[in-house]
């Protein structure tokens, strides 16, 4: 919704953490998604375009679609805690006598046990602040890994600065073990969870339902692309076409047409879509994009745009590959 919106995301992130966009490389589709809220749906996801004709959509109320992302985020939190605890614990055990309570050298000298506890809490906190478990970045693309990497090294850079300012001489060996070991464990656990999530998405679960808006040929192309890439976690639950192309009871590649493009916001709310995807720059004017964005404000529904319309939505865009 223009510059006043919360941010753009195809994996999507809140405006305070930047934004994101979805890229579908198959068929040349690249879109940017504006985040106006959260929500997830479950829809069948055929693996090939030839299978799309047989698609029957299943719309699940938005109140029940947020559960999987919250459960998945909690699972990531548990493994993140285990990774951080293991890394800091190993560093402490290797460098110090676990039966004693060694202290940091310098003018300010807390015990290493206290330092370890603070480090673990701070590490988990920065992972949360960095939105590393946001449903819009998990499961596909490099952003999930890059956020974990960036937040971890920012934390240890901050530790070095704080230690210098407080004249603390924290053991280099301790930090040299904790940082790379923790990062390796975090990335490994995220990779393992991603493989599990891919299997669930290929079974038609843990997906976000999308209402596709645009002219019929581009709508059909985007539907086919999304169904060929189920791991991206997007399933088409409905279509809105140009006014002159709309007919009651019609389907595009097996997906029901619910109305014209002018009705997109109301239709998205009615069918419980998680996002509205504009399938081409020729499908809608810049002013209509802004109006659609404002209509979706407060609904918890994202707005997805092709790159040619990104400048209408705003400059902050993070690319997210639909096909892997």
C-alpha atoms as a PDB file:
ATOM      1  CA  UNK A   1       0.000   0.000   0.000  1.00  0.00           C
ATOM      2  CA  UNK A   2       2.551   2.439  -0.926  1.00  0.00           C
ATOM      3  CA  UNK A   3       5.080   4.088   1.297  1.00  0.00           C
ATOM      4  CA  UNK A   4       2.728   4.140   4.290  1.00  0.00           C
ATOM      5  CA  UNK A   5       2.373   0.379   4.481  1.00  0.00           C
ATOM      6  CA  UNK A   6       4.106  -1.933   6.952  1.00  0.00           C
ATOM      7  CA  UNK A   7       6.571  -3.391   4.483  1.00  0.00           C
ATOM      8  CA  UNK A   8       6.816  -5.754   1.597  1.00  0.00           C
ATOM      9  CA  UNK A   9       7.394  -9.447   1.759  1.00  0.00           C
ATOM     10  CA  UNK A  10       6.925 -12.563  -0.318  1.00  0.00           C
ATOM     11  CA  UNK A  11       8.306 -14.454   2.378  1.00  0.00           C
ATOM     12  CA  UNK A  12       7.433 -11.168   3.919  1.00  0.00           C
ATOM     13  CA  UNK A  13       8.718  -9.539   7.045  1.00  0.00           C
ATOM     14  CA  UNK A  14       7.266  -6.737   9.141  1.00  0.00           C
ATOM     15  CA  UNK A  15       8.341  -3.276   8.129  1.00  0.00           C
ATOM     16  CA  UNK A  16      10.591  -2.925  11.139  1.00  0.00           C
ATOM     17  CA  UNK A  17      12.701  -5.735   9.783  1.00  0.00           C
ATOM     18  CA  UNK A  18      12.634  -4.926   6.099  1.00  0.00           C
ATOM     19  CA  UNK A  19      10.521  -6.707   3.539  1.00  0.00           C
ATOM     20  CA  UNK A  20      10.480  -9.554   1.103  1.00  0.00           C
ATOM     21  CA  UNK A  21       9.365 -10.716  -2.296  1.00  0.00           C
ATOM     22  CA  UNK A  22       8.520 -14.004  -3.926  1.00  0.00           C
ATOM     23  CA  UNK A  23      10.351 -15.076  -7.052  1.00  0.00           C
ATOM     24  CA  UNK A  24       9.015 -17.716  -9.382  1.00  0.00           C
ATOM     25  CA  UNK A  25      11.766 -18.386 -11.858  1.00  0.00           C
ATOM     26  CA  UNK A  26       9.874 -21.021 -13.857  1.00  0.00           C
ATOM     27  CA  UNK A  27       7.941 -19.144 -16.501  1.00  0.00           C
ATOM     28  CA  UNK A  28       9.687 -15.884 -15.661  1.00  0.00           C
ATOM     29  CA  UNK A  29       7.541 -14.957 -12.657  1.00  0.00           C
ATOM     30  CA  UNK A  30       9.069 -12.715 -10.016  1.00  0.00           C
ATOM     31  CA  UNK A  31       6.886 -10.981  -7.456  1.00  0.00           C
ATOM     32  CA  UNK A  32       7.271  -8.798  -4.403  1.00  0.00           C
ATOM     33  CA  UNK A  33       4.899  -9.307  -1.513  1.00  0.00           C
ATOM     34  CA  UNK A  34       3.696  -6.571   0.782  1.00  0.00           C
ATOM     35  CA  UNK A  35       3.087  -7.826   4.294  1.00  0.00           C
ATOM     36  CA  UNK A  36      -0.120  -6.659   5.935  1.00  0.00           C
ATOM     37  CA  UNK A  37      -0.442  -9.559   8.329  1.00  0.00           C
ATOM     38  CA  UNK A  38      -0.014 -13.288   8.730  1.00  0.00           C
ATOM     39  CA  UNK A  39      -1.900 -16.471   8.005  1.00  0.00           C
ATOM     40  CA  UNK A  40      -1.469 -19.832   6.405  1.00  0.00           C
ATOM     41  CA  UNK A  41      -3.674 -22.296   4.563  1.00  0.00           C
ATOM     42  CA  UNK A  42      -3.637 -25.867   3.439  1.00  0.00           C
ATOM     43  CA  UNK A  43      -4.438 -26.593  -0.196  1.00  0.00           C
ATOM     44  CA  UNK A  44      -3.683 -29.500  -2.543  1.00  0.00           C
ATOM     45  CA  UNK A  45      -0.504 -28.879  -4.569  1.00  0.00           C
ATOM     46  CA  UNK A  46      -0.050 -30.959  -7.738  1.00  0.00           C
ATOM     47  CA  UNK A  47       3.563 -31.294  -8.869  1.00  0.00           C
ATOM     48  CA  UNK A  48       3.083 -30.562 -12.555  1.00  0.00           C
ATOM     49  CA  UNK A  49       0.964 -28.198 -14.621  1.00  0.00           C
ATOM     50  CA  UNK A  50      -0.706 -31.187 -16.300  1.00  0.00           C
ATOM     51  CA  UNK A  51      -2.162 -32.131 -12.935  1.00  0.00           C
ATOM     52  CA  UNK A  52      -3.607 -28.703 -12.242  1.00  0.00           C
ATOM     53  CA  UNK A  53      -6.784 -29.336 -14.228  1.00  0.00           C
ATOM     54  CA  UNK A  54      -7.754 -31.949 -11.651  1.00  0.00           C
ATOM     55  CA  UNK A  55      -7.207 -29.573  -8.736  1.00  0.00           C
ATOM     56  CA  UNK A  56      -9.985 -29.126  -6.220  1.00  0.00           C
ATOM     57  CA  UNK A  57      -9.388 -26.339  -3.751  1.00  0.00           C
ATOM     58  CA  UNK A  58     -10.040 -26.517  -0.064  1.00  0.00           C
ATOM     59  CA  UNK A  59     -10.335 -23.226   1.796  1.00  0.00           C
ATOM     60  CA  UNK A  60      -9.734 -23.308   5.519  1.00  0.00           C
ATOM     61  CA  UNK A  61     -10.877 -20.430   7.767  1.00  0.00           C
ATOM     62  CA  UNK A  62      -8.093 -17.978   8.579  1.00  0.00           C
ATOM     63  CA  UNK A  63      -8.577 -18.489  12.308  1.00  0.00           C
ATOM     64  CA  UNK A  64      -7.396 -22.078  11.896  1.00  0.00           C
ATOM     65  CA  UNK A  65      -4.601 -21.451   9.384  1.00  0.00           C
ATOM     66  CA  UNK A  66      -2.127 -19.728  11.681  1.00  0.00           C
ATOM     67  CA  UNK A  67      -1.521 -22.772  13.813  1.00  0.00           C
ATOM     68  CA  UNK A  68       1.112 -24.496  11.692  1.00  0.00           C
ATOM     69  CA  UNK A  69       3.432 -21.496  11.499  1.00  0.00           C
ATOM     70  CA  UNK A  70       3.241 -20.990  15.251  1.00  0.00           C
ATOM     71  CA  UNK A  71       3.918 -24.664  15.942  1.00  0.00           C
ATOM     72  CA  UNK A  72       6.779 -24.678  13.460  1.00  0.00           C
ATOM     73  CA  UNK A  73       8.283 -21.550  15.034  1.00  0.00           C
ATOM     74  CA  UNK A  74       8.094 -23.190  18.470  1.00  0.00           C
ATOM     75  CA  UNK A  75       9.894 -26.246  17.109  1.00  0.00           C
ATOM     76  CA  UNK A  76      12.624 -24.015  15.691  1.00  0.00           C
ATOM     77  CA  UNK A  77      12.881 -22.243  19.037  1.00  0.00           C
ATOM     78  CA  UNK A  78      13.419 -25.548  20.839  1.00  0.00           C
ATOM     79  CA  UNK A  79      16.220 -26.617  18.511  1.00  0.00           C
ATOM     80  CA  UNK A  80      17.723 -23.113  18.607  1.00  0.00           C
ATOM     81  CA  UNK A  81      17.832 -23.352  22.405  1.00  0.00           C
ATOM     82  CA  UNK A  82      19.477 -26.762  22.189  1.00  0.00           C
ATOM     83  CA  UNK A  83      22.072 -25.495  19.686  1.00  0.00           C
ATOM     84  CA  UNK A  84      22.972 -22.421  21.739  1.00  0.00           C
ATOM     85  CA  UNK A  85      23.087 -24.360  25.016  1.00  0.00           C
ATOM     86  CA  UNK A  86      25.314 -27.014  23.457  1.00  0.00           C
ATOM     87  CA  UNK A  87      27.706 -24.493  21.915  1.00  0.00           C
ATOM     88  CA  UNK A  88      28.123 -22.397  25.056  1.00  0.00           C
ATOM     89  CA  UNK A  89      28.276 -25.487  27.274  1.00  0.00           C
ATOM     90  CA  UNK A  90      30.996 -27.108  25.161  1.00  0.00           C
ATOM     91  CA  UNK A  91      33.004 -23.870  25.088  1.00  0.00           C
ATOM     92  CA  UNK A  92      32.767 -23.589  28.868  1.00  0.00           C
ATOM     93  CA  UNK A  93      33.669 -27.235  29.460  1.00  0.00           C
ATOM     94  CA  UNK A  94      36.643 -27.155  27.097  1.00  0.00           C
ATOM     95  CA  UNK A  95      38.141 -23.915  28.376  1.00  0.00           C
ATOM     96  CA  UNK A  96      37.425 -24.039  32.103  1.00  0.00           C
ATOM     97  CA  UNK A  97      37.237 -26.351  35.087  1.00  0.00           C
ATOM     98  CA  UNK A  98      33.561 -27.248  35.325  1.00  0.00           C
ATOM     99  CA  UNK A  99      33.917 -27.879  39.063  1.00  0.00           C
ATOM    100  CA  UNK A 100      35.065 -24.347  39.766  1.00  0.00           C
ATOM    101  CA  UNK A 101      33.725 -20.879  39.050  1.00  0.00           C
ATOM    102  CA  UNK A 102      36.402 -19.091  36.994  1.00  0.00           C
ATOM    103  CA  UNK A 103      36.015 -15.368  36.520  1.00  0.00           C
ATOM    104  CA  UNK A 104      36.726 -13.047  33.633  1.00  0.00           C
ATOM    105  CA  UNK A 105      39.981 -11.114  33.895  1.00  0.00           C
ATOM    106  CA  UNK A 106      39.960  -7.332  33.965  1.00  0.00           C
ATOM    107  CA  UNK A 107      38.487  -4.491  35.982  1.00  0.00           C
ATOM    108  CA  UNK A 108      35.001  -5.958  35.702  1.00  0.00           C
ATOM    109  CA  UNK A 109      35.230  -9.669  36.368  1.00  0.00           C
ATOM    110  CA  UNK A 110      31.960 -11.624  36.530  1.00  0.00           C
ATOM    111  CA  UNK A 111      32.123 -15.396  36.569  1.00  0.00           C
ATOM    112  CA  UNK A 112      32.206 -17.222  33.260  1.00  0.00           C
ATOM    113  CA  UNK A 113      29.056 -19.021  34.355  1.00  0.00           C
ATOM    114  CA  UNK A 114      27.254 -15.673  34.495  1.00  0.00           C
ATOM    115  CA  UNK A 115      28.751 -14.644  31.170  1.00  0.00           C
ATOM    116  CA  UNK A 116      27.579 -17.921  29.643  1.00  0.00           C
ATOM    117  CA  UNK A 117      24.016 -17.472  30.881  1.00  0.00           C
ATOM    118  CA  UNK A 118      23.863 -13.895  29.594  1.00  0.00           C
ATOM    119  CA  UNK A 119      25.362 -14.973  26.267  1.00  0.00           C
ATOM    120  CA  UNK A 120      22.749 -17.704  25.784  1.00  0.00           C
ATOM    121  CA  UNK A 121      19.850 -15.373  26.565  1.00  0.00           C
ATOM    122  CA  UNK A 122      21.273 -12.664  24.301  1.00  0.00           C
ATOM    123  CA  UNK A 123      21.848 -15.152  21.474  1.00  0.00           C
ATOM    124  CA  UNK A 124      18.281 -16.423  21.538  1.00  0.00           C
ATOM    125  CA  UNK A 125      17.014 -12.854  21.822  1.00  0.00           C
ATOM    126  CA  UNK A 126      18.824 -11.617  18.711  1.00  0.00           C
ATOM    127  CA  UNK A 127      17.523 -14.605  16.746  1.00  0.00           C
ATOM    128  CA  UNK A 128      14.009 -13.544  17.731  1.00  0.00           C
ATOM    129  CA  UNK A 129      14.624  -9.858  17.015  1.00  0.00           C
ATOM    130  CA  UNK A 130      16.024 -10.794  13.601  1.00  0.00           C
ATOM    131  CA  UNK A 131      12.771 -12.617  12.707  1.00  0.00           C
ATOM    132  CA  UNK A 132      14.728 -15.748  11.864  1.00  0.00           C
ATOM    133  CA  UNK A 133      11.642 -17.874  12.531  1.00  0.00           C
ATOM    134  CA  UNK A 134       9.192 -15.769  10.516  1.00  0.00           C
ATOM    135  CA  UNK A 135       6.932 -17.995   8.399  1.00  0.00           C
ATOM    136  CA  UNK A 136       7.742 -15.873   5.354  1.00  0.00           C
ATOM    137  CA  UNK A 137      11.433 -16.753   5.387  1.00  0.00           C
ATOM    138  CA  UNK A 138      11.400 -20.365   6.550  1.00  0.00           C
ATOM    139  CA  UNK A 139      11.302 -23.237   4.121  1.00  0.00           C
ATOM    140  CA  UNK A 140      12.829 -21.785   0.970  1.00  0.00           C
ATOM    141  CA  UNK A 141      15.451 -19.322  -0.195  1.00  0.00           C
ATOM    142  CA  UNK A 142      18.646 -18.163   1.532  1.00  0.00           C
ATOM    143  CA  UNK A 143      17.130 -15.513   3.771  1.00  0.00           C
ATOM    144  CA  UNK A 144      16.481 -17.787   6.745  1.00  0.00           C
ATOM    145  CA  UNK A 145      20.130 -18.868   6.820  1.00  0.00           C
ATOM    146  CA  UNK A 146      21.500 -15.389   6.169  1.00  0.00           C
ATOM    147  CA  UNK A 147      19.468 -13.939   9.040  1.00  0.00           C
ATOM    148  CA  UNK A 148      20.767 -16.576  11.459  1.00  0.00           C
ATOM    149  CA  UNK A 149      24.333 -15.925  10.278  1.00  0.00           C
ATOM    150  CA  UNK A 150      24.042 -12.137  10.423  1.00  0.00           C
ATOM    151  CA  UNK A 151      22.401 -11.981  13.848  1.00  0.00           C
ATOM    152  CA  UNK A 152      24.944 -14.401  15.332  1.00  0.00           C
ATOM    153  CA  UNK A 153      27.965 -12.435  14.188  1.00  0.00           C
ATOM    154  CA  UNK A 154      26.379  -9.132  15.168  1.00  0.00           C
ATOM    155  CA  UNK A 155      25.917 -10.550  18.644  1.00  0.00           C
ATOM    156  CA  UNK A 156      29.558 -11.545  18.983  1.00  0.00           C
ATOM    157  CA  UNK A 157      30.674  -8.206  17.570  1.00  0.00           C
ATOM    158  CA  UNK A 158      28.557  -6.555  20.264  1.00  0.00           C
ATOM    159  CA  UNK A 159      30.124  -8.828  22.903  1.00  0.00           C
ATOM    160  CA  UNK A 160      33.576  -7.643  21.820  1.00  0.00           C
ATOM    161  CA  UNK A 161      32.523  -3.997  22.052  1.00  0.00           C
ATOM    162  CA  UNK A 162      30.919  -4.438  25.480  1.00  0.00           C
ATOM    163  CA  UNK A 163      33.961  -6.309  26.763  1.00  0.00           C
ATOM    164  CA  UNK A 164      36.215  -3.483  25.590  1.00  0.00           C
ATOM    165  CA  UNK A 165      34.063  -0.767  27.156  1.00  0.00           C
ATOM    166  CA  UNK A 166      33.812  -2.602  30.493  1.00  0.00           C
ATOM    167  CA  UNK A 167      37.491  -3.602  30.390  1.00  0.00           C
ATOM    168  CA  UNK A 168      36.621  -7.278  30.490  1.00  0.00           C
ATOM    169  CA  UNK A 169      39.102  -9.792  29.104  1.00  0.00           C
ATOM    170  CA  UNK A 170      36.822 -12.605  27.965  1.00  0.00           C
ATOM    171  CA  UNK A 171      38.845 -15.613  26.865  1.00  0.00           C
ATOM    172  CA  UNK A 172      39.367 -15.704  23.105  1.00  0.00           C
ATOM    173  CA  UNK A 173      39.328 -19.494  23.102  1.00  0.00           C
ATOM    174  CA  UNK A 174      35.946 -19.516  24.823  1.00  0.00           C
ATOM    175  CA  UNK A 175      34.400 -17.243  22.201  1.00  0.00           C
ATOM    176  CA  UNK A 176      36.267 -18.973  19.367  1.00  0.00           C
ATOM    177  CA  UNK A 177      34.564 -22.242  20.274  1.00  0.00           C
ATOM    178  CA  UNK A 178      31.102 -20.922  21.131  1.00  0.00           C
ATOM    179  CA  UNK A 179      30.528 -18.739  18.058  1.00  0.00           C
ATOM    180  CA  UNK A 180      31.356 -21.103  15.157  1.00  0.00           C
ATOM    181  CA  UNK A 181      30.003 -24.185  16.922  1.00  0.00           C
ATOM    182  CA  UNK A 182      26.729 -22.483  17.741  1.00  0.00           C
ATOM    183  CA  UNK A 183      26.370 -21.105  14.234  1.00  0.00           C
ATOM    184  CA  UNK A 184      27.055 -24.522  12.702  1.00  0.00           C
ATOM    185  CA  UNK A 185      24.489 -26.197  14.953  1.00  0.00           C
ATOM    186  CA  UNK A 186      21.882 -23.527  14.265  1.00  0.00           C
ATOM    187  CA  UNK A 187      22.293 -23.779  10.503  1.00  0.00           C
ATOM    188  CA  UNK A 188      22.305 -27.579  10.601  1.00  0.00           C
ATOM    189  CA  UNK A 189      19.081 -27.675  12.620  1.00  0.00           C
ATOM    190  CA  UNK A 190      17.421 -25.179  10.275  1.00  0.00           C
ATOM    191  CA  UNK A 191      18.446 -27.309   7.287  1.00  0.00           C
ATOM    192  CA  UNK A 192      16.991 -30.437   8.890  1.00  0.00           C
ATOM    193  CA  UNK A 193      13.719 -28.686   9.672  1.00  0.00           C
ATOM    194  CA  UNK A 194      13.569 -27.336   6.113  1.00  0.00           C
ATOM    195  CA  UNK A 195      13.780 -30.844   4.666  1.00  0.00           C
ATOM    196  CA  UNK A 196      10.912 -31.900   6.928  1.00  0.00           C
ATOM    197  CA  UNK A 197       8.873 -28.852   5.895  1.00  0.00           C
ATOM    198  CA  UNK A 198       9.473 -29.581   2.210  1.00  0.00           C
ATOM    199  CA  UNK A 199       8.050 -33.061   2.630  1.00  0.00           C
ATOM    200  CA  UNK A 200       4.958 -31.673   4.336  1.00  0.00           C
ATOM    201  CA  UNK A 201       4.444 -29.056   1.638  1.00  0.00           C
ATOM    202  CA  UNK A 202       4.791 -31.625  -1.111  1.00  0.00           C
ATOM    203  CA  UNK A 203       1.923 -33.424   0.619  1.00  0.00           C
ATOM    204  CA  UNK A 204      -0.174 -30.242   0.378  1.00  0.00           C
ATOM    205  CA  UNK A 205       0.283 -29.073   3.960  1.00  0.00           C
ATOM    206  CA  UNK A 206       1.842 -26.035   5.614  1.00  0.00           C
ATOM    207  CA  UNK A 207       1.061 -23.728   2.693  1.00  0.00           C
ATOM    208  CA  UNK A 208      -0.255 -20.183   2.351  1.00  0.00           C
ATOM    209  CA  UNK A 209      -3.388 -19.766   0.225  1.00  0.00           C
ATOM    210  CA  UNK A 210      -3.154 -17.200  -2.576  1.00  0.00           C
ATOM    211  CA  UNK A 211      -5.862 -15.408  -4.540  1.00  0.00           C
ATOM    212  CA  UNK A 212      -4.408 -14.671  -8.005  1.00  0.00           C
ATOM    213  CA  UNK A 213      -5.510 -11.469  -9.751  1.00  0.00           C
ATOM    214  CA  UNK A 214      -4.928 -10.609 -13.408  1.00  0.00           C
ATOM    215  CA  UNK A 215      -5.668 -11.411 -17.024  1.00  0.00           C
ATOM    216  CA  UNK A 216      -6.415 -15.048 -17.771  1.00  0.00           C
ATOM    217  CA  UNK A 217      -3.149 -16.049 -19.581  1.00  0.00           C
ATOM    218  CA  UNK A 218      -0.868 -14.675 -16.869  1.00  0.00           C
ATOM    219  CA  UNK A 219      -3.102 -16.023 -14.132  1.00  0.00           C
ATOM    220  CA  UNK A 220      -2.828 -19.479 -15.684  1.00  0.00           C
ATOM    221  CA  UNK A 221       0.949 -19.149 -15.954  1.00  0.00           C
ATOM    222  CA  UNK A 222       1.354 -18.157 -12.314  1.00  0.00           C
ATOM    223  CA  UNK A 223      -0.942 -20.959 -11.147  1.00  0.00           C
ATOM    224  CA  UNK A 224       1.078 -23.515 -13.107  1.00  0.00           C
ATOM    225  CA  UNK A 225       4.360 -22.150 -11.743  1.00  0.00           C
ATOM    226  CA  UNK A 226       3.205 -22.251  -8.137  1.00  0.00           C
ATOM    227  CA  UNK A 227       1.889 -25.788  -8.450  1.00  0.00           C
ATOM    228  CA  UNK A 228       5.146 -26.924 -10.016  1.00  0.00           C
ATOM    229  CA  UNK A 229       6.992 -25.606  -6.958  1.00  0.00           C
ATOM    230  CA  UNK A 230       5.109 -26.850  -3.878  1.00  0.00           C
ATOM    231  CA  UNK A 231       8.163 -26.448  -1.628  1.00  0.00           C
ATOM    232  CA  UNK A 232       7.736 -22.687  -1.781  1.00  0.00           C
ATOM    233  CA  UNK A 233       4.614 -23.105   0.328  1.00  0.00           C
ATOM    234  CA  UNK A 234       2.082 -21.247  -1.804  1.00  0.00           C
ATOM    235  CA  UNK A 235      -1.185 -22.753  -3.060  1.00  0.00           C
ATOM    236  CA  UNK A 236      -3.756 -20.980  -5.236  1.00  0.00           C
ATOM    237  CA  UNK A 237      -7.221 -21.006  -3.662  1.00  0.00           C
ATOM    238  CA  UNK A 238      -9.001 -18.667  -6.046  1.00  0.00           C
ATOM    239  CA  UNK A 239      -8.808 -16.308  -9.016  1.00  0.00           C
ATOM    240  CA  UNK A 240     -10.107 -12.840  -9.861  1.00  0.00           C
ATOM    241  CA  UNK A 241      -9.891 -11.856 -13.536  1.00  0.00           C
ATOM    242  CA  UNK A 242     -10.552  -8.711 -15.547  1.00  0.00           C
ATOM    243  CA  UNK A 243     -14.201  -7.646 -15.639  1.00  0.00           C
ATOM    244  CA  UNK A 244     -14.655  -8.593 -19.296  1.00  0.00           C
ATOM    245  CA  UNK A 245     -13.214 -12.070 -18.675  1.00  0.00           C
ATOM    246  CA  UNK A 246     -15.361 -13.015 -15.696  1.00  0.00           C
ATOM    247  CA  UNK A 247     -18.126 -15.616 -15.873  1.00  0.00           C
ATOM    248  CA  UNK A 248     -19.939 -17.302 -12.965  1.00  0.00           C
ATOM    249  CA  UNK A 249     -18.835 -20.849 -12.181  1.00  0.00           C
ATOM    250  CA  UNK A 250     -15.735 -20.570 -14.341  1.00  0.00           C
ATOM    251  CA  UNK A 251     -12.347 -22.094 -13.496  1.00  0.00           C
ATOM    252  CA  UNK A 252      -8.770 -21.407 -14.576  1.00  0.00           C
ATOM    253  CA  UNK A 253      -6.648 -24.570 -14.549  1.00  0.00           C
ATOM    254  CA  UNK A 254      -9.108 -26.044 -12.090  1.00  0.00           C
ATOM    255  CA  UNK A 255      -9.066 -23.052  -9.724  1.00  0.00           C
ATOM    256  CA  UNK A 256     -12.440 -21.316  -9.239  1.00  0.00           C
ATOM    257  CA  UNK A 257     -12.944 -17.742 -10.439  1.00  0.00           C
ATOM    258  CA  UNK A 258     -14.607 -15.797  -7.626  1.00  0.00           C
ATOM    259  CA  UNK A 259     -15.013 -12.400  -9.239  1.00  0.00           C
ATOM    260  CA  UNK A 260     -13.410  -9.502 -11.066  1.00  0.00           C
ATOM    261  CA  UNK A 261     -10.206  -7.725 -10.091  1.00  0.00           C
ATOM    262  CA  UNK A 262     -12.213  -4.915  -8.505  1.00  0.00           C
ATOM    263  CA  UNK A 263     -13.617  -7.444  -6.016  1.00  0.00           C
ATOM    264  CA  UNK A 264     -10.221  -8.908  -5.066  1.00  0.00           C
ATOM    265  CA  UNK A 265      -9.982  -7.571  -1.507  1.00  0.00           C
ATOM    266  CA  UNK A 266     -13.514  -8.621  -0.567  1.00  0.00           C
ATOM    267  CA  UNK A 267     -13.061 -12.033  -2.192  1.00  0.00           C
ATOM    268  CA  UNK A 268      -9.754 -12.604  -0.397  1.00  0.00           C
ATOM    269  CA  UNK A 269     -11.390 -11.950   2.963  1.00  0.00           C
ATOM    270  CA  UNK A 270     -14.398 -14.111   2.107  1.00  0.00           C
ATOM    271  CA  UNK A 271     -12.446 -17.204   1.015  1.00  0.00           C
ATOM    272  CA  UNK A 272      -9.776 -16.896   3.705  1.00  0.00           C
ATOM    273  CA  UNK A 273      -6.785 -16.243   1.415  1.00  0.00           C
ATOM    274  CA  UNK A 274      -3.414 -15.455   2.965  1.00  0.00           C
ATOM    275  CA  UNK A 275      -2.245 -13.284   0.062  1.00  0.00           C
ATOM    276  CA  UNK A 276      -3.477 -11.557  -3.081  1.00  0.00           C
ATOM    277  CA  UNK A 277      -1.036 -11.978  -5.986  1.00  0.00           C
ATOM    278  CA  UNK A 278      -1.203  -9.582  -8.942  1.00  0.00           C
ATOM    279  CA  UNK A 279       0.013 -11.703 -11.848  1.00  0.00           C
ATOM    280  CA  UNK A 280       1.199  -8.965 -14.222  1.00  0.00           C
ATOM    281  CA  UNK A 281       1.812  -5.242 -14.522  1.00  0.00           C
ATOM    282  CA  UNK A 282      -0.717  -5.050 -17.354  1.00  0.00           C
ATOM    283  CA  UNK A 283      -3.407  -6.481 -15.104  1.00  0.00           C
ATOM    284  CA  UNK A 284      -3.858  -3.498 -12.828  1.00  0.00           C
ATOM    285  CA  UNK A 285      -2.940   0.178 -12.655  1.00  0.00           C
ATOM    286  CA  UNK A 286      -0.624   1.680 -10.070  1.00  0.00           C
ATOM    287  CA  UNK A 287      -3.523   3.515  -8.462  1.00  0.00           C
ATOM    288  CA  UNK A 288      -5.525   0.294  -8.287  1.00  0.00           C
ATOM    289  CA  UNK A 289      -2.572  -1.425  -6.599  1.00  0.00           C
ATOM    290  CA  UNK A 290      -2.487   1.245  -3.921  1.00  0.00           C
ATOM    291  CA  UNK A 291      -6.250   1.033  -3.462  1.00  0.00           C
ATOM    292  CA  UNK A 292      -6.087  -2.754  -3.199  1.00  0.00           C
ATOM    293  CA  UNK A 293      -3.347  -2.428  -0.613  1.00  0.00           C
ATOM    294  CA  UNK A 294      -5.423  -0.071   1.490  1.00  0.00           C
ATOM    295  CA  UNK A 295      -8.439  -2.366   1.178  1.00  0.00           C
ATOM    296  CA  UNK A 296      -6.318  -5.211   2.563  1.00  0.00           C
ATOM    297  CA  UNK A 297      -4.947  -3.130   5.431  1.00  0.00           C
ATOM    298  CA  UNK A 298      -5.808  -4.677   8.769  1.00  0.00           C
ATOM    299  CA  UNK A 299      -7.048  -7.936   7.253  1.00  0.00           C
ATOM    300  CA  UNK A 300      -3.823  -9.876   7.804  1.00  0.00           C
ATOM    301  CA  UNK A 301      -3.649 -10.596   4.060  1.00  0.00           C
ATOM    302  CA  UNK A 302      -0.440 -10.008   2.089  1.00  0.00           C
ATOM    303  CA  UNK A 303      -0.239  -8.259  -1.276  1.00  0.00           C
ATOM    304  CA  UNK A 304       2.035  -9.837  -3.914  1.00  0.00           C
ATOM    305  CA  UNK A 305       3.260  -7.853  -6.916  1.00  0.00           C
ATOM    306  CA  UNK A 306       5.397  -8.441  -9.981  1.00  0.00           C
ATOM    307  CA  UNK A 307       8.713  -6.606  -9.933  1.00  0.00           C
ATOM    308  CA  UNK A 308       7.428  -4.038 -12.417  1.00  0.00           C
ATOM    309  CA  UNK A 309       5.007  -2.886  -9.726  1.00  0.00           C
ATOM    310  CA  UNK A 310       7.435  -2.931  -6.812  1.00  0.00           C
ATOM    311  CA  UNK A 311       8.140   0.795  -7.104  1.00  0.00           C
ATOM    312  CA  UNK A 312       4.431   1.376  -6.514  1.00  0.00           C
ATOM    313  CA  UNK A 313       4.573  -0.547  -3.267  1.00  0.00           C
ATOM    314  CA  UNK A 314       7.850   0.727  -1.888  1.00  0.00           C
ATOM    315  CA  UNK A 315      11.622   0.334  -2.172  1.00  0.00           C
ATOM    316  CA  UNK A 316      12.323  -2.275   0.499  1.00  0.00           C
ATOM    317  CA  UNK A 317      12.149  -5.676  -1.145  1.00  0.00           C
ATOM    318  CA  UNK A 318      13.758  -8.985  -0.196  1.00  0.00           C
ATOM    319  CA  UNK A 319      13.763 -11.638  -2.920  1.00  0.00           C
ATOM    320  CA  UNK A 320      12.514 -15.121  -2.123  1.00  0.00           C
ATOM    321  CA  UNK A 321      12.689 -17.949  -4.691  1.00  0.00           C
ATOM    322  CA  UNK A 322       9.485 -19.890  -5.290  1.00  0.00           C
ATOM    323  CA  UNK A 323      11.344 -22.720  -6.981  1.00  0.00           C
ATOM    324  CA  UNK A 324      13.802 -23.523  -4.256  1.00  0.00           C
END
